């Protein structure tokens, strides 16, 4: 097997093992077994379990941003672009089905400098993409705000908070409600009628209590 193929296999195995067992319950040996390789080769490529997790998140993010770029290229409408980002954040993309891995990184970032740096880099990447969409909407007069950076920060942090609840299987939150709540907040922030921003949102489940608009 070529080194890059082996590396990709280890990354995929890391995602599977950490998602199933959590960082605290995972071992390098588990990743090696899942990847069909040796512990020594896992350590050769990534140095440690923590290194493998960080690289796995970056790997997933790369796939996620390929989805983002492809989806955003399909429309120039800034409202539709925010809908796309909400959908990807709520779980329709290749990255955000892995919010559990993000939780693992966030916990480690409280105490580990490398994890903290990785979290900052990955967060800035998402905020940058969101900033581009909001800025384009303001420039074309579709959105209105006097403080784009503040809007981007609030919307990015709201998405993180909703993602935590989604990862924890909150009974009052599903992907549809995730999109609804985030887009309602975006509508308020950017002076867009909520019914326009959320017009494509559907909510399933009789236990849901909030309604669009």
Protein backbone atom coordinates (compact mmCIF):
# COMPACT_ATOMS: atom_id res chain seq x y z
CA UNK A 1 0.00 0.00 0.00
CA UNK A 2 1.26 3.48 -0.86
CA UNK A 3 2.08 5.71 2.15
CA UNK A 4 -0.64 8.24 1.31
CA UNK A 5 -3.24 5.50 0.92
CA UNK A 6 -2.21 4.10 4.29
CA UNK A 7 -2.40 7.56 5.84
CA UNK A 8 -5.94 8.07 4.50
CA UNK A 9 -6.94 4.70 5.86
CA UNK A 10 -5.61 5.57 9.31
CA UNK A 11 -7.48 8.88 9.28
CA UNK A 12 -10.75 7.14 8.42
CA UNK A 13 -10.10 4.58 11.17
CA UNK A 14 -9.43 7.38 13.66
CA UNK A 15 -12.78 8.96 12.85
CA UNK A 16 -14.56 5.63 13.37
CA UNK A 17 -12.82 4.71 16.61
CA UNK A 18 -13.03 8.11 18.31
CA UNK A 19 -16.65 8.58 17.26
CA UNK A 20 -17.56 5.20 18.76
CA UNK A 21 -15.40 5.22 21.91
CA UNK A 22 -14.50 8.83 22.56
CA UNK A 23 -10.96 10.11 22.83
CA UNK A 24 -10.54 8.86 26.39
CA UNK A 25 -11.67 5.36 25.43
CA UNK A 26 -9.67 5.07 22.21
CA UNK A 27 -6.20 3.58 21.87
CA UNK A 28 -3.67 3.80 19.09
CA UNK A 29 -3.89 0.00 18.90
CA UNK A 30 -7.64 0.28 18.19
CA UNK A 31 -6.98 2.67 15.30
CA UNK A 32 -4.26 0.41 13.93
CA UNK A 33 -6.60 -2.59 14.05
CA UNK A 34 -9.41 -0.70 12.35
CA UNK A 35 -7.01 0.52 9.65
CA UNK A 36 -5.46 -2.90 9.11
CA UNK A 37 -2.00 -1.64 9.96
CA UNK A 38 0.41 -1.54 12.91
CA UNK A 39 0.60 0.71 15.95
CA UNK A 40 4.08 1.72 14.86
CA UNK A 41 2.83 3.01 11.52
CA UNK A 42 0.04 5.02 13.17
CA UNK A 43 2.63 6.66 15.40
CA UNK A 44 4.98 7.13 12.45
CA UNK A 45 2.36 9.12 10.56
CA UNK A 46 0.76 11.07 13.43
CA UNK A 47 2.99 10.80 16.49
CA UNK A 48 0.19 10.13 18.98
CA UNK A 49 -3.53 9.54 19.40
CA UNK A 50 -4.00 13.30 19.84
CA UNK A 51 -2.11 13.95 16.61
CA UNK A 52 -4.26 11.45 14.74
CA UNK A 53 -7.47 13.09 16.01
CA UNK A 54 -6.31 16.57 15.03
CA UNK A 55 -5.31 15.40 11.55
CA UNK A 56 -8.58 13.51 11.18
CA UNK A 57 -10.57 16.66 11.91
CA UNK A 58 -8.54 18.63 9.37
CA UNK A 59 -9.09 15.84 6.85
CA UNK A 60 -12.84 15.95 7.47
CA UNK A 61 -12.85 19.73 7.23
CA UNK A 62 -11.13 19.58 3.84
CA UNK A 63 -13.94 17.33 2.61
CA UNK A 64 -16.51 19.64 4.21
CA UNK A 65 -15.12 22.71 2.45
CA UNK A 66 -15.16 20.92 -0.87
CA UNK A 67 -18.90 20.48 -0.24
CA UNK A 68 -19.20 24.15 0.76
CA UNK A 69 -17.39 25.39 -2.32
CA UNK A 70 -19.40 23.19 -4.66
CA UNK A 71 -22.71 24.20 -3.07
CA UNK A 72 -21.94 27.92 -2.98
CA UNK A 73 -20.87 27.89 -6.61
CA UNK A 74 -24.38 26.80 -7.52
CA UNK A 75 -25.94 30.13 -6.48
CA UNK A 76 -25.01 33.80 -6.17
CA UNK A 77 -27.99 34.59 -3.92
CA UNK A 78 -26.60 35.38 -0.44
CA UNK A 79 -29.80 34.21 1.29
CA UNK A 80 -29.58 30.87 -0.48
CA UNK A 81 -25.91 30.68 0.41
CA UNK A 82 -26.73 31.05 4.09
CA UNK A 83 -29.35 28.33 3.71
CA UNK A 84 -26.67 26.10 2.21
CA UNK A 85 -24.32 26.79 5.10
CA UNK A 86 -27.09 26.09 7.60
CA UNK A 87 -27.84 22.78 5.90
CA UNK A 88 -24.22 21.72 5.88
CA UNK A 89 -23.84 22.73 9.50
CA UNK A 90 -26.93 20.74 10.47
CA UNK A 91 -25.53 17.55 9.06
CA UNK A 92 -26.03 17.33 5.31
CA UNK A 93 -22.31 17.67 4.54
CA UNK A 94 -19.31 15.42 4.94
CA UNK A 95 -17.88 17.15 7.99
CA UNK A 96 -20.63 17.92 10.43
CA UNK A 97 -21.85 14.41 10.89
CA UNK A 98 -18.74 14.39 13.08
CA UNK A 99 -19.67 17.00 15.68
CA UNK A 100 -18.79 14.40 18.32
CA UNK A 101 -15.17 14.65 17.22
CA UNK A 102 -15.35 18.43 17.56
CA UNK A 103 -16.53 17.98 21.15
CA UNK A 104 -13.48 15.83 21.81
CA UNK A 105 -11.21 18.51 20.38
CA UNK A 106 -12.90 21.30 22.34
CA UNK A 107 -12.41 19.45 25.64
CA UNK A 108 -8.74 18.84 24.89
CA UNK A 109 -8.30 22.46 23.83
CA UNK A 110 -9.02 23.54 27.40
CA UNK A 111 -5.68 22.13 28.52
CA UNK A 112 -3.52 21.34 25.48
CA UNK A 113 -1.80 24.01 23.43
CA UNK A 114 -1.72 21.99 20.19
CA UNK A 115 -5.41 21.19 20.44
CA UNK A 116 -6.15 24.85 21.19
CA UNK A 117 -4.21 25.96 18.12
CA UNK A 118 -5.97 23.39 15.92
CA UNK A 119 -9.37 24.50 17.20
CA UNK A 120 -8.56 28.15 16.48
CA UNK A 121 -7.38 27.38 12.95
CA UNK A 122 -10.44 25.31 12.09
CA UNK A 123 -12.82 27.86 13.61
CA UNK A 124 -11.24 30.71 11.67
CA UNK A 125 -11.67 28.78 8.46
CA UNK A 126 -15.43 28.50 9.01
CA UNK A 127 -15.78 32.09 10.16
CA UNK A 128 -13.89 33.22 7.08
CA UNK A 129 -16.31 31.38 4.79
CA UNK A 130 -19.28 32.85 6.66
CA UNK A 131 -17.72 36.32 6.51
CA UNK A 132 -17.43 36.06 2.72
CA UNK A 133 -21.13 35.21 2.35
CA UNK A 134 -22.30 37.95 4.71
CA UNK A 135 -20.00 40.54 3.11
CA UNK A 136 -21.26 39.74 -0.37
CA UNK A 137 -24.85 40.12 0.83
CA UNK A 138 -24.11 43.49 2.42
CA UNK A 139 -22.29 44.67 -0.71
CA UNK A 140 -25.30 43.85 -2.90
CA UNK A 141 -27.82 45.38 -0.49
CA UNK A 142 -29.54 42.11 0.38
CA UNK A 143 -28.22 42.17 3.97
CA UNK A 144 -27.96 45.13 6.30
CA UNK A 145 -25.52 45.39 9.20
CA UNK A 146 -23.03 47.94 10.46
CA UNK A 147 -20.74 45.33 12.02
CA UNK A 148 -20.01 42.30 9.84
CA UNK A 149 -17.36 40.77 12.15
CA UNK A 150 -19.74 40.87 15.13
CA UNK A 151 -22.53 39.23 13.12
CA UNK A 152 -20.19 36.52 11.91
CA UNK A 153 -18.97 35.80 15.44
CA UNK A 154 -22.48 35.56 16.85
CA UNK A 155 -23.74 33.31 14.05
CA UNK A 156 -20.66 31.07 14.22
CA UNK A 157 -20.99 30.69 17.99
CA UNK A 158 -24.71 29.97 17.71
CA UNK A 159 -23.96 27.21 15.24
CA UNK A 160 -21.42 25.72 17.65
CA UNK A 161 -23.97 25.78 20.46
CA UNK A 162 -26.68 24.18 18.35
CA UNK A 163 -24.18 21.57 17.18
CA UNK A 164 -23.43 20.57 20.77
CA UNK A 165 -27.12 19.92 21.39
CA UNK A 166 -27.42 18.01 18.12
CA UNK A 167 -24.41 15.85 19.01
CA UNK A 168 -25.95 15.16 22.43
CA UNK A 169 -29.24 14.03 20.82
CA UNK A 170 -31.29 16.77 22.46
CA UNK A 171 -34.92 15.62 22.02
CA UNK A 172 -35.99 19.15 21.07
CA UNK A 173 -33.47 19.56 18.27
CA UNK A 174 -33.20 17.81 14.94
CA UNK A 175 -31.45 18.99 11.75
CA UNK A 176 -34.56 20.80 10.57
CA UNK A 177 -34.91 22.77 13.79
CA UNK A 178 -31.17 23.44 13.79
CA UNK A 179 -31.55 25.09 10.39
CA UNK A 180 -34.69 26.98 11.44
CA UNK A 181 -33.19 28.47 14.60
CA UNK A 182 -29.93 29.42 12.94
CA UNK A 183 -31.60 31.01 9.93
CA UNK A 184 -34.04 32.90 12.14
CA UNK A 185 -31.05 34.36 13.99
CA UNK A 186 -29.38 35.23 10.68
CA UNK A 187 -32.56 36.98 9.54
CA UNK A 188 -32.59 39.11 12.70
CA UNK A 189 -28.90 39.93 12.40
CA UNK A 190 -29.08 40.87 8.73
CA UNK A 191 -32.48 42.60 8.53
CA UNK A 192 -34.06 39.99 6.27
CA UNK A 193 -37.69 38.91 6.83
CA UNK A 194 -37.63 35.59 8.68
CA UNK A 195 -40.19 34.05 6.32
CA UNK A 196 -37.83 34.68 3.40
CA UNK A 197 -34.76 33.31 5.14
CA UNK A 198 -36.55 30.16 6.37
CA UNK A 199 -38.88 29.54 3.43
CA UNK A 200 -37.31 26.17 2.55
CA UNK A 201 -37.15 24.80 6.13
CA UNK A 202 -39.28 21.80 7.05
CA UNK A 203 -39.69 20.54 10.61
CA UNK A 204 -40.46 16.92 11.41
CA UNK A 205 -41.58 15.35 14.67
CA UNK A 206 -44.67 16.01 16.75
CA UNK A 207 -42.57 16.86 19.83
CA UNK A 208 -41.29 20.08 18.26
CA UNK A 209 -42.82 23.18 19.79
CA UNK A 210 -41.35 26.06 17.79
CA UNK A 211 -42.70 27.06 14.40
CA UNK A 212 -41.03 28.80 11.44
CA UNK A 213 -41.19 32.58 11.27
